[in-house]
Amino acid sequence: MSDQRDQPGRTRFLTVLEVADVMRVSKMTVYRLLHSGELPGVRVGRSFRVPQDALDHYLATSPAVEAREQDRRTS
């Protein structure tokens, strides 16, 4: 069986639990982000999947990261 990481150009989708683990937040926080549209996701039946690229973009452009980068530049 091949792994998605072995196939360039294919999007990896994460479960809500996997996203919560990466972000170190609760599943409910991830659901709130999905329902508000802040974090894009795909509904599969009754569950959600989040594209890895979307999570990476969200984390890279989050206000906390931007503030940290600005602090780093002014120090």
PDB file of N, CA and C in Angstrom:
ATOM      1  N   MET A   1       0.852  -1.173   0.000  1.00  0.00           N
ATOM      2  CA  MET A   1       0.000   0.000   0.000  1.00  0.00           C
ATOM      3  C   MET A   1       0.898   1.238   0.000  1.00  0.00           C
ATOM      4  N   SER A   2       0.630   2.224  -0.862  1.00  0.00           N
ATOM      5  CA  SER A   2       1.465   3.413  -0.930  1.00  0.00           C
ATOM      6  C   SER A   2       0.916   4.498  -0.011  1.00  0.00           C
ATOM      7  N   ASP A   3       1.806   5.321   0.465  1.00  0.00           N
ATOM      8  CA  ASP A   3       1.487   6.416   1.358  1.00  0.00           C
ATOM      9  C   ASP A   3       1.285   7.673   0.519  1.00  0.00           C
ATOM     10  N   GLN A   4       0.379   8.569   0.940  1.00  0.00           N
ATOM     11  CA  GLN A   4       0.134   9.800   0.190  1.00  0.00           C
ATOM     12  C   GLN A   4       1.382  10.660   0.108  1.00  0.00           C
ATOM     13  N   ARG A   5       2.284  10.550   1.083  1.00  0.00           N
ATOM     14  CA  ARG A   5       3.503  11.353   1.052  1.00  0.00           C
ATOM     15  C   ARG A   5       4.397  10.945  -0.111  1.00  0.00           C
ATOM     16  N   ASP A   6       4.226   9.720  -0.619  1.00  0.00           N
ATOM     17  CA  ASP A   6       5.013   9.238  -1.749  1.00  0.00           C
ATOM     18  C   ASP A   6       4.473   9.740  -3.080  1.00  0.00           C
ATOM     19  N   GLN A   7       3.330  10.407  -3.072  1.00  0.00           N
ATOM     20  CA  GLN A   7       2.673  10.829  -4.301  1.00  0.00           C
ATOM     21  C   GLN A   7       2.619  12.350  -4.362  1.00  0.00           C
ATOM     22  N   PRO A   8       3.602  12.983  -5.024  1.00  0.00           N
ATOM     23  CA  PRO A   8       3.607  14.441  -5.113  1.00  0.00           C
ATOM     24  C   PRO A   8       2.353  14.961  -5.798  1.00  0.00           C
ATOM     25  N   GLY A   9       1.893  16.130  -5.347  1.00  0.00           N
ATOM     26  CA  GLY A   9       0.725  16.739  -5.965  1.00  0.00           C
ATOM     27  C   GLY A   9      -0.592  16.281  -5.375  1.00  0.00           C
ATOM     28  N   ARG A  10      -0.570  15.303  -4.493  1.00  0.00           N
ATOM     29  CA  ARG A  10      -1.807  14.837  -3.860  1.00  0.00           C
ATOM     30  C   ARG A  10      -1.959  15.523  -2.519  1.00  0.00           C
ATOM     31  N   THR A  11      -3.151  16.011  -2.251  1.00  0.00           N
ATOM     32  CA  THR A  11      -3.431  16.708  -1.010  1.00  0.00           C
ATOM     33  C   THR A  11      -3.652  15.708   0.111  1.00  0.00           C
ATOM     34  N   ARG A  12      -3.013  15.955   1.234  1.00  0.00           N
ATOM     35  CA  ARG A  12      -3.226  15.131   2.424  1.00  0.00           C
ATOM     36  C   ARG A  12      -4.316  15.789   3.254  1.00  0.00           C
ATOM     37  N   PHE A  13      -5.288  15.005   3.677  1.00  0.00           N
ATOM     38  CA  PHE A  13      -6.383  15.512   4.489  1.00  0.00           C
ATOM     39  C   PHE A  13      -6.234  15.012   5.915  1.00  0.00           C
ATOM     40  N   LEU A  14      -6.468  15.914   6.867  1.00  0.00           N
ATOM     41  CA  LEU A  14      -6.341  15.591   8.290  1.00  0.00           C
ATOM     42  C   LEU A  14      -7.713  15.552   8.942  1.00  0.00           C
ATOM     43  N   THR A  15      -7.849  14.707   9.938  1.00  0.00           N
ATOM     44  CA  THR A  15      -9.085  14.670  10.716  1.00  0.00           C
ATOM     45  C   THR A  15      -9.084  15.838  11.700  1.00  0.00           C
ATOM     46  N   VAL A  16     -10.227  16.100  12.291  1.00  0.00           N
ATOM     47  CA  VAL A  16     -10.336  17.158  13.292  1.00  0.00           C
ATOM     48  C   VAL A  16      -9.410  16.852  14.468  1.00  0.00           C
ATOM     49  N   LEU A  17      -9.324  15.606  14.872  1.00  0.00           N
ATOM     50  CA  LEU A  17      -8.447  15.232  15.978  1.00  0.00           C
ATOM     51  C   LEU A  17      -6.978  15.480  15.631  1.00  0.00           C
ATOM     52  N   GLU A  18      -6.583  15.158  14.403  1.00  0.00           N
ATOM     53  CA  GLU A  18      -5.198  15.399  13.988  1.00  0.00           C
ATOM     54  C   GLU A  18      -4.887  16.897  13.971  1.00  0.00           C
ATOM     55  N   VAL A  19      -5.831  17.709  13.486  1.00  0.00           N
ATOM     56  CA  VAL A  19      -5.640  19.155  13.474  1.00  0.00           C
ATOM     57  C   VAL A  19      -5.531  19.676  14.906  1.00  0.00           C
ATOM     58  N   ALA A  20      -6.392  19.195  15.782  1.00  0.00           N
ATOM     59  CA  ALA A  20      -6.353  19.621  17.184  1.00  0.00           C
ATOM     60  C   ALA A  20      -5.011  19.262  17.820  1.00  0.00           C
ATOM     61  N   ASP A  21      -4.488  18.096  17.509  1.00  0.00           N
ATOM     62  CA  ASP A  21      -3.183  17.690  18.046  1.00  0.00           C
ATOM     63  C   ASP A  21      -2.069  18.609  17.550  1.00  0.00           C
ATOM     64  N   VAL A  22      -2.081  18.918  16.266  1.00  0.00           N
ATOM     65  CA  VAL A  22      -1.044  19.784  15.688  1.00  0.00           C
ATOM     66  C   VAL A  22      -1.118  21.175  16.316  1.00  0.00           C
ATOM     67  N   MET A  23      -2.328  21.702  16.465  1.00  0.00           N
ATOM     68  CA  MET A  23      -2.504  23.052  16.982  1.00  0.00           C
ATOM     69  C   MET A  23      -2.456  23.103  18.511  1.00  0.00           C
ATOM     70  N   ARG A  24      -2.545  21.936  19.139  1.00  0.00           N
ATOM     71  CA  ARG A  24      -2.590  21.829  20.603  1.00  0.00           C
ATOM     72  C   ARG A  24      -3.779  22.591  21.179  1.00  0.00           C
ATOM     73  N   VAL A  25      -4.941  22.329  20.573  1.00  0.00           N
ATOM     74  CA  VAL A  25      -6.205  22.899  21.022  1.00  0.00           C
ATOM     75  C   VAL A  25      -7.219  21.765  21.109  1.00  0.00           C
ATOM     76  N   SER A  26      -8.398  22.076  21.591  1.00  0.00           N
ATOM     77  CA  SER A  26      -9.443  21.054  21.677  1.00  0.00           C
ATOM     78  C   SER A  26     -10.096  20.847  20.314  1.00  0.00           C
ATOM     79  N   LYS A  27     -10.778  19.715  20.183  1.00  0.00           N
ATOM     80  CA  LYS A  27     -11.520  19.449  18.947  1.00  0.00           C
ATOM     81  C   LYS A  27     -12.588  20.518  18.738  1.00  0.00           C
ATOM     82  N   MET A  28     -13.206  20.982  19.835  1.00  0.00           N
ATOM     83  CA  MET A  28     -14.253  21.998  19.723  1.00  0.00           C
ATOM     84  C   MET A  28     -13.713  23.283  19.109  1.00  0.00           C
ATOM     85  N   THR A  29     -12.477  23.659  19.441  1.00  0.00           N
ATOM     86  CA  THR A  29     -11.863  24.842  18.843  1.00  0.00           C
ATOM     87  C   THR A  29     -11.716  24.657  17.342  1.00  0.00           C
ATOM     88  N   VAL A  30     -11.310  23.480  16.916  1.00  0.00           N
ATOM     89  CA  VAL A  30     -11.175  23.197  15.483  1.00  0.00           C
ATOM     90  C   VAL A  30     -12.543  23.274  14.813  1.00  0.00           C
ATOM     91  N   TYR A  31     -13.566  22.703  15.441  1.00  0.00           N
ATOM     92  CA  TYR A  31     -14.918  22.782  14.873  1.00  0.00           C
ATOM     93  C   TYR A  31     -15.370  24.230  14.742  1.00  0.00           C
ATOM     94  N   ARG A  32     -15.076  25.063  15.737  1.00  0.00           N
ATOM     95  CA  ARG A  32     -15.450  26.478  15.657  1.00  0.00           C
ATOM     96  C   ARG A  32     -14.758  27.161  14.484  1.00  0.00           C
ATOM     97  N   LEU A  33     -13.471  26.863  14.293  1.00  0.00           N
ATOM     98  CA  LEU A  33     -12.732  27.444  13.167  1.00  0.00           C
ATOM     99  C   LEU A  33     -13.321  26.995  11.835  1.00  0.00           C
ATOM    100  N   LEU A  34     -13.720  25.736  11.755  1.00  0.00           N
ATOM    101  CA  LEU A  34     -14.320  25.216  10.529  1.00  0.00           C
ATOM    102  C   LEU A  34     -15.675  25.864  10.258  1.00  0.00           C
ATOM    103  N   HIS A  35     -16.516  25.936  11.285  1.00  0.00           N
ATOM    104  CA  HIS A  35     -17.860  26.492  11.104  1.00  0.00           C
ATOM    105  C   HIS A  35     -17.831  27.993  10.808  1.00  0.00           C
ATOM    106  N   SER A  36     -16.839  28.699  11.332  1.00  0.00           N
ATOM    107  CA  SER A  36     -16.744  30.139  11.080  1.00  0.00           C
ATOM    108  C   SER A  36     -16.123  30.435   9.720  1.00  0.00           C
ATOM    109  N   GLY A  37     -15.498  29.433   9.111  1.00  0.00           N
ATOM    110  CA  GLY A  37     -14.860  29.633   7.812  1.00  0.00           C
ATOM    111  C   GLY A  37     -13.411  30.086   7.915  1.00  0.00           C
ATOM    112  N   GLU A  38     -12.900  30.270   9.138  1.00  0.00           N
ATOM    113  CA  GLU A  38     -11.496  30.675   9.306  1.00  0.00           C
ATOM    114  C   GLU A  38     -10.541  29.598   8.816  1.00  0.00           C
ATOM    115  N   LEU A  39     -10.930  28.354   9.002  1.00  0.00           N
ATOM    116  CA  LEU A  39     -10.131  27.214   8.567  1.00  0.00           C
ATOM    117  C   LEU A  39     -10.964  26.429   7.557  1.00  0.00           C
ATOM    118  N   PRO A  40     -10.508  26.337   6.306  1.00  0.00           N
ATOM    119  CA  PRO A  40     -11.296  25.608   5.314  1.00  0.00           C
ATOM    120  C   PRO A  40     -11.256  24.104   5.556  1.00  0.00           C
ATOM    121  N   GLY A  41     -12.363  23.470   5.281  1.00  0.00           N
ATOM    122  CA  GLY A  41     -12.441  22.028   5.428  1.00  0.00           C
ATOM    123  C   GLY A  41     -13.458  21.444   4.475  1.00  0.00           C
ATOM    124  N   VAL A  42     -13.427  20.135   4.375  1.00  0.00           N
ATOM    125  CA  VAL A  42     -14.343  19.406   3.504  1.00  0.00           C
ATOM    126  C   VAL A  42     -15.184  18.509   4.386  1.00  0.00           C
ATOM    127  N   ARG A  43     -16.475  18.536   4.156  1.00  0.00           N
ATOM    128  CA  ARG A  43     -17.367  17.672   4.925  1.00  0.00           C
ATOM    129  C   ARG A  43     -17.452  16.318   4.224  1.00  0.00           C
ATOM    130  N   VAL A  44     -17.198  15.263   4.983  1.00  0.00           N
ATOM    131  CA  VAL A  44     -17.288  13.896   4.466  1.00  0.00           C
ATOM    132  C   VAL A  44     -18.290  13.177   5.360  1.00  0.00           C
ATOM    133  N   GLY A  45     -19.495  13.028   4.848  1.00  0.00           N
ATOM    134  CA  GLY A  45     -20.545  12.458   5.685  1.00  0.00           C
ATOM    135  C   GLY A  45     -20.828  13.397   6.843  1.00  0.00           C
ATOM    136  N   ARG A  46     -20.648  12.904   8.070  1.00  0.00           N
ATOM    137  CA  ARG A  46     -20.887  13.727   9.246  1.00  0.00           C
ATOM    138  C   ARG A  46     -19.591  14.277   9.844  1.00  0.00           C
ATOM    139  N   SER A  47     -18.463  14.016   9.200  1.00  0.00           N
ATOM    140  CA  SER A  47     -17.191  14.504   9.735  1.00  0.00           C
ATOM    141  C   SER A  47     -16.539  15.491   8.784  1.00  0.00           C
ATOM    142  N   PHE A  48     -15.495  16.120   9.265  1.00  0.00           N
ATOM    143  CA  PHE A  48     -14.741  17.087   8.475  1.00  0.00           C
ATOM    144  C   PHE A  48     -13.338  16.571   8.228  1.00  0.00           C
ATOM    145  N   ARG A  49     -12.774  17.010   7.113  1.00  0.00           N
ATOM    146  CA  ARG A  49     -11.361  16.784   6.821  1.00  0.00           C
ATOM    147  C   ARG A  49     -10.776  18.135   6.437  1.00  0.00           C
ATOM    148  N   VAL A  50      -9.557  18.373   6.886  1.00  0.00           N
ATOM    149  CA  VAL A  50      -8.887  19.645   6.625  1.00  0.00           C
ATOM    150  C   VAL A  50      -7.667  19.372   5.748  1.00  0.00           C
ATOM    151  N   PRO A  51      -7.559  20.046   4.603  1.00  0.00           N
ATOM    152  CA  PRO A  51      -6.368  19.865   3.777  1.00  0.00           C
ATOM    153  C   PRO A  51      -5.119  20.339   4.528  1.00  0.00           C
ATOM    154  N   GLN A  52      -4.047  19.567   4.443  1.00  0.00           N
ATOM    155  CA  GLN A  52      -2.798  19.909   5.124  1.00  0.00           C
ATOM    156  C   GLN A  52      -2.323  21.306   4.706  1.00  0.00           C
ATOM    157  N   ASP A  53      -2.450  21.634   3.418  1.00  0.00           N
ATOM    158  CA  ASP A  53      -2.029  22.947   2.925  1.00  0.00           C
ATOM    159  C   ASP A  53      -2.811  24.070   3.598  1.00  0.00           C
ATOM    160  N   ALA A  54      -4.108  23.852   3.808  1.00  0.00           N
ATOM    161  CA  ALA A  54      -4.942  24.873   4.443  1.00  0.00           C
ATOM    162  C   ALA A  54      -4.523  25.078   5.890  1.00  0.00           C
ATOM    163  N   LEU A  55      -4.211  24.001   6.590  1.00  0.00           N
ATOM    164  CA  LEU A  55      -3.754  24.118   7.973  1.00  0.00           C
ATOM    165  C   LEU A  55      -2.413  24.843   8.019  1.00  0.00           C
ATOM    166  N   ASP A  56      -1.498  24.486   7.139  1.00  0.00           N
ATOM    167  CA  ASP A  56      -0.188  25.142   7.092  1.00  0.00           C
ATOM    168  C   ASP A  56      -0.349  26.644   6.844  1.00  0.00           C
ATOM    169  N   HIS A  57      -1.220  27.006   5.904  1.00  0.00           N
ATOM    170  CA  HIS A  57      -1.455  28.415   5.597  1.00  0.00           C
ATOM    171  C   HIS A  57      -2.075  29.130   6.790  1.00  0.00           C
ATOM    172  N   TYR A  58      -3.049  28.514   7.427  1.00  0.00           N
ATOM    173  CA  TYR A  58      -3.699  29.126   8.590  1.00  0.00           C
ATOM    174  C   TYR A  58      -2.683  29.389   9.694  1.00  0.00           C
ATOM    175  N   LEU A  59      -1.843  28.416   9.974  1.00  0.00           N
ATOM    176  CA  LEU A  59      -0.853  28.578  11.033  1.00  0.00           C
ATOM    177  C   LEU A  59       0.198  29.628  10.672  1.00  0.00           C
ATOM    178  N   ALA A  60       0.591  29.677   9.415  1.00  0.00           N
ATOM    179  CA  ALA A  60       1.614  30.636   8.992  1.00  0.00           C
ATOM    180  C   ALA A  60       1.102  32.069   9.008  1.00  0.00           C
ATOM    181  N   THR A  61      -0.203  32.246   8.832  1.00  0.00           N
ATOM    182  CA  THR A  61      -0.760  33.599   8.758  1.00  0.00           C
ATOM    183  C   THR A  61      -1.578  33.966   9.982  1.00  0.00           C
ATOM    184  N   SER A  62      -1.513  33.171  11.026  1.00  0.00           N
ATOM    185  CA  SER A  62      -2.288  33.474  12.230  1.00  0.00           C
ATOM    186  C   SER A  62      -1.725  34.708  12.914  1.00  0.00           C
ATOM    187  N   PRO A  63      -2.558  35.476  13.590  1.00  0.00           N
ATOM    188  CA  PRO A  63      -2.097  36.696  14.259  1.00  0.00           C
ATOM    189  C   PRO A  63      -0.966  36.439  15.264  1.00  0.00           C
ATOM    190  N   ALA A  64      -0.975  35.324  15.942  1.00  0.00           N
ATOM    191  CA  ALA A  64       0.078  35.026  16.919  1.00  0.00           C
ATOM    192  C   ALA A  64       1.435  34.895  16.234  1.00  0.00           C
ATOM    193  N   VAL A  65       1.463  34.240  15.090  1.00  0.00           N
ATOM    194  CA  VAL A  65       2.719  34.075  14.352  1.00  0.00           C
ATOM    195  C   VAL A  65       3.177  35.421  13.813  1.00  0.00           C
ATOM    196  N   GLU A  66       2.246  36.211  13.271  1.00  0.00           N
ATOM    197  CA  GLU A  66       2.611  37.519  12.740  1.00  0.00           C
ATOM    198  C   GLU A  66       3.152  38.424  13.841  1.00  0.00           C
ATOM    199  N   ALA A  67       2.556  38.400  15.031  1.00  0.00           N
ATOM    200  CA  ALA A  67       3.034  39.214  16.149  1.00  0.00           C
ATOM    201  C   ALA A  67       4.428  38.762  16.581  1.00  0.00           C
ATOM    202  N   ARG A  68       4.646  37.471  16.619  1.00  0.00           N
ATOM    203  CA  ARG A  68       5.956  36.946  17.012  1.00  0.00           C
ATOM    204  C   ARG A  68       7.024  37.359  16.013  1.00  0.00           C
ATOM    205  N   GLU A  69       6.698  37.304  14.706  1.00  0.00           N
ATOM    206  CA  GLU A  69       7.639  37.720  13.676  1.00  0.00           C
ATOM    207  C   GLU A  69       7.945  39.211  13.793  1.00  0.00           C
ATOM    208  N   GLN A  70       6.929  40.015  14.099  1.00  0.00           N
ATOM    209  CA  GLN A  70       7.135  41.453  14.245  1.00  0.00           C
ATOM    210  C   GLN A  70       8.009  41.743  15.459  1.00  0.00           C
ATOM    211  N   ASP A  71       7.783  41.032  16.567  1.00  0.00           N
ATOM    212  CA  ASP A  71       8.621  41.195  17.755  1.00  0.00           C
ATOM    213  C   ASP A  71      10.065  40.835  17.454  1.00  0.00           C
ATOM    214  N   ARG A  72      10.249  39.796  16.685  1.00  0.00           N
ATOM    215  CA  ARG A  72      11.590  39.336  16.333  1.00  0.00           C
ATOM    216  C   ARG A  72      12.322  40.400  15.502  1.00  0.00           C
ATOM    217  N   ARG A  73      11.576  41.070  14.601  1.00  0.00           N
ATOM    218  CA  ARG A  73      12.187  42.083  13.748  1.00  0.00           C
ATOM    219  C   ARG A  73      12.561  43.344  14.520  1.00  0.00           C
ATOM    220  N   THR A  74      11.788  43.691  15.558  1.00  0.00           N
ATOM    221  CA  THR A  74      12.041  44.916  16.304  1.00  0.00           C
ATOM    222  C   THR A  74      13.064  44.710  17.427  1.00  0.00           C
ATOM    223  N   SER A  75      13.429  43.490  17.728  1.00  0.00           N
ATOM    224  CA  SER A  75      14.389  43.216  18.805  1.00  0.00           C
ATOM    225  C   SER A  75      15.806  43.412  18.355  1.00  0.00           C
TER     226      SER A  75
END
